[in-house]
Amino acid sequence: MKRKFWTKEEIDYLIQNYPDKDNEDLAIILNRTKSSIIGKSGRLGLRKSKAFWKRVGRIYAAQCKHTQFKKGNVAKKLNYNSVGRAISDLTKEVFDQAVKEHFEA
């Protein structure tokens, strides 16, 4: 992919809109990748506004509510015996390798 330099207008637009717009939206508007938006905003020291995080936080909370721990719940240790019944076709070695890869990544 060819390197694309930032113009003054693009930087000004990013500075003005980064605090309140989603990175994916900015990437589409500026015809950039999401990674380039994140990188440039980091180099410029830009941060998302509290209003943005409040709005986005509500969206994520609504999507993840069923997976959140409730008061009094305790996380169970993941082991072969607790998961083995659901995935009986996996051997212990394959399961251990999958867990190892997951937590090392």
C-alpha atoms as a PDB file:
ATOM      1  CA  MET A   1       0.000   0.000   0.000  1.00  0.00           C
ATOM      2  CA  LYS A   2       1.317   3.401  -0.933  1.00  0.00           C
ATOM      3  CA  ARG A   3       2.100   5.791   1.901  1.00  0.00           C
ATOM      4  CA  LYS A   4      -0.300   8.710   2.113  1.00  0.00           C
ATOM      5  CA  PHE A   5       0.889  11.866   3.838  1.00  0.00           C
ATOM      6  CA  TRP A   6      -1.442  13.923   6.008  1.00  0.00           C
ATOM      7  CA  THR A   7      -2.495  17.322   4.674  1.00  0.00           C
ATOM      8  CA  LYS A   8      -3.009  20.362   6.892  1.00  0.00           C
ATOM      9  CA  GLU A   9      -6.779  20.199   6.221  1.00  0.00           C
ATOM     10  CA  GLU A  10      -6.945  16.542   7.258  1.00  0.00           C
ATOM     11  CA  ILE A  11      -5.024  17.227  10.455  1.00  0.00           C
ATOM     12  CA  ASP A  12      -7.270  20.199  11.281  1.00  0.00           C
ATOM     13  CA  TYR A  13     -10.374  18.080  10.660  1.00  0.00           C
ATOM     14  CA  LEU A  14      -8.982  15.306  12.861  1.00  0.00           C
ATOM     15  CA  ILE A  15      -8.160  17.741  15.686  1.00  0.00           C
ATOM     16  CA  GLN A  16     -11.662  19.243  15.565  1.00  0.00           C
ATOM     17  CA  ASN A  17     -13.607  15.985  15.257  1.00  0.00           C
ATOM     18  CA  TYR A  18     -11.554  13.276  16.963  1.00  0.00           C
ATOM     19  CA  PRO A  19     -12.917  13.872  20.491  1.00  0.00           C
ATOM     20  CA  ASP A  20     -16.554  13.215  19.521  1.00  0.00           C
ATOM     21  CA  LYS A  21     -16.510  10.930  16.453  1.00  0.00           C
ATOM     22  CA  ASP A  22     -15.914   7.216  16.180  1.00  0.00           C
ATOM     23  CA  ASN A  23     -12.567   6.217  14.615  1.00  0.00           C
ATOM     24  CA  GLU A  24     -14.324   4.153  11.942  1.00  0.00           C
ATOM     25  CA  ASP A  25     -16.379   7.182  10.889  1.00  0.00           C
ATOM     26  CA  LEU A  26     -13.278   9.367  10.741  1.00  0.00           C
ATOM     27  CA  ALA A  27     -11.484   6.734   8.658  1.00  0.00           C
ATOM     28  CA  ILE A  28     -14.306   6.744   6.107  1.00  0.00           C
ATOM     29  CA  ILE A  29     -14.570  10.536   5.991  1.00  0.00           C
ATOM     30  CA  LEU A  30     -10.816  11.053   5.626  1.00  0.00           C
ATOM     31  CA  ASN A  31     -10.303   8.031   3.335  1.00  0.00           C
ATOM     32  CA  ARG A  32      -7.790   6.518   5.764  1.00  0.00           C
ATOM     33  CA  THR A  33      -7.436   3.285   7.678  1.00  0.00           C
ATOM     34  CA  LYS A  34      -8.613   3.044  11.260  1.00  0.00           C
ATOM     35  CA  SER A  35      -4.989   2.357  12.253  1.00  0.00           C
ATOM     36  CA  SER A  36      -3.794   5.589  10.670  1.00  0.00           C
ATOM     37  CA  ILE A  37      -6.479   7.557  12.533  1.00  0.00           C
ATOM     38  CA  ILE A  38      -5.435   5.974  15.841  1.00  0.00           C
ATOM     39  CA  GLY A  39      -1.725   6.515  15.124  1.00  0.00           C
ATOM     40  CA  LYS A  40      -2.031  10.141  14.063  1.00  0.00           C
ATOM     41  CA  SER A  41      -4.345  11.041  16.935  1.00  0.00           C
ATOM     42  CA  GLY A  42      -1.879   9.467  19.357  1.00  0.00           C
ATOM     43  CA  ARG A  43       1.038  11.425  17.915  1.00  0.00           C
ATOM     44  CA  LEU A  44      -1.042  14.614  18.184  1.00  0.00           C
ATOM     45  CA  GLY A  45      -1.981  13.793  21.779  1.00  0.00           C
ATOM     46  CA  LEU A  46      -5.715  13.755  21.031  1.00  0.00           C
ATOM     47  CA  ARG A  47      -8.160  12.065  23.395  1.00  0.00           C
ATOM     48  CA  LYS A  48     -11.831  11.135  23.165  1.00  0.00           C
ATOM     49  CA  SER A  49     -14.217  13.382  25.098  1.00  0.00           C
ATOM     50  CA  LYS A  50     -16.111  12.293  28.216  1.00  0.00           C
ATOM     51  CA  ALA A  51     -19.366  12.684  26.260  1.00  0.00           C
ATOM     52  CA  PHE A  52     -18.068  10.268  23.598  1.00  0.00           C
ATOM     53  CA  TRP A  53     -17.121   7.636  26.174  1.00  0.00           C
ATOM     54  CA  LYS A  54     -20.411   8.078  27.970  1.00  0.00           C
ATOM     55  CA  ARG A  55     -22.320   7.466  24.713  1.00  0.00           C
ATOM     56  CA  VAL A  56     -20.137   4.571  23.584  1.00  0.00           C
ATOM     57  CA  GLY A  57     -20.054   3.087  27.065  1.00  0.00           C
ATOM     58  CA  ARG A  58     -23.836   2.800  27.092  1.00  0.00           C
ATOM     59  CA  ILE A  59     -23.786   0.999  23.742  1.00  0.00           C
ATOM     60  CA  TYR A  60     -21.136  -1.508  24.861  1.00  0.00           C
ATOM     61  CA  ALA A  61     -22.802  -2.006  28.224  1.00  0.00           C
ATOM     62  CA  ALA A  62     -26.101  -2.809  26.521  1.00  0.00           C
ATOM     63  CA  GLN A  63     -24.400  -5.295  24.177  1.00  0.00           C
ATOM     64  CA  CYS A  64     -22.422  -7.001  26.959  1.00  0.00           C
ATOM     65  CA  LYS A  65     -24.912  -6.878  29.822  1.00  0.00           C
ATOM     66  CA  HIS A  66     -25.628 -10.601  29.668  1.00  0.00           C
ATOM     67  CA  THR A  67     -21.913 -11.419  30.039  1.00  0.00           C
ATOM     68  CA  GLN A  68     -21.153  -9.125  32.969  1.00  0.00           C
ATOM     69  CA  PHE A  69     -20.593 -10.588  36.422  1.00  0.00           C
ATOM     70  CA  LYS A  70     -23.409 -10.092  38.861  1.00  0.00           C
ATOM     71  CA  LYS A  71     -22.752  -9.314  42.510  1.00  0.00           C
ATOM     72  CA  GLY A  72     -21.779 -12.490  44.329  1.00  0.00           C
ATOM     73  CA  ASN A  73     -20.744 -14.424  41.214  1.00  0.00           C
ATOM     74  CA  VAL A  74     -17.283 -15.933  41.204  1.00  0.00           C
ATOM     75  CA  ALA A  75     -15.262 -16.642  38.081  1.00  0.00           C
ATOM     76  CA  LYS A  76     -14.741 -20.350  37.550  1.00  0.00           C
ATOM     77  CA  LYS A  77     -11.317 -21.646  36.708  1.00  0.00           C
ATOM     78  CA  LEU A  78     -11.200 -22.856  33.121  1.00  0.00           C
ATOM     79  CA  ASN A  79     -10.102 -26.470  32.972  1.00  0.00           C
ATOM     80  CA  TYR A  80     -10.582 -29.513  30.794  1.00  0.00           C
ATOM     81  CA  ASN A  81     -13.173 -31.168  33.040  1.00  0.00           C
ATOM     82  CA  SER A  82     -15.521 -28.154  33.081  1.00  0.00           C
ATOM     83  CA  VAL A  83     -15.430 -27.703  29.325  1.00  0.00           C
ATOM     84  CA  GLY A  84     -14.743 -31.267  28.252  1.00  0.00           C
ATOM     85  CA  ARG A  85     -18.375 -32.370  28.164  1.00  0.00           C
ATOM     86  CA  ALA A  86     -19.318 -29.604  25.725  1.00  0.00           C
ATOM     87  CA  ILE A  87     -16.416 -30.346  23.413  1.00  0.00           C
ATOM     88  CA  SER A  88     -15.997 -34.064  23.898  1.00  0.00           C
ATOM     89  CA  ASP A  89     -14.314 -34.574  20.530  1.00  0.00           C
ATOM     90  CA  LEU A  90     -11.250 -32.590  21.643  1.00  0.00           C
ATOM     91  CA  THR A  91      -8.482 -34.409  23.406  1.00  0.00           C
ATOM     92  CA  LYS A  92      -6.842 -32.960  26.491  1.00  0.00           C
ATOM     93  CA  GLU A  93      -3.692 -32.128  24.499  1.00  0.00           C
ATOM     94  CA  VAL A  94      -5.619 -30.185  21.846  1.00  0.00           C
ATOM     95  CA  PHE A  95      -7.569 -28.330  24.538  1.00  0.00           C
ATOM     96  CA  ASP A  96      -4.403 -27.478  26.497  1.00  0.00           C
ATOM     97  CA  GLN A  97      -2.734 -26.213  23.304  1.00  0.00           C
ATOM     98  CA  ALA A  98      -5.755 -24.048  22.439  1.00  0.00           C
ATOM     99  CA  VAL A  99      -5.834 -22.545  25.938  1.00  0.00           C
ATOM    100  CA  LYS A 100      -2.079 -21.930  25.825  1.00  0.00           C
ATOM    101  CA  GLU A 101      -2.312 -20.171  22.436  1.00  0.00           C
ATOM    102  CA  HIS A 102      -5.293 -18.101  23.572  1.00  0.00           C
ATOM    103  CA  PHE A 103      -3.608 -16.763  26.693  1.00  0.00           C
ATOM    104  CA  GLU A 104      -0.213 -16.193  25.067  1.00  0.00           C
ATOM    105  CA  ALA A 105      -1.672 -14.168  22.193  1.00  0.00           C
END
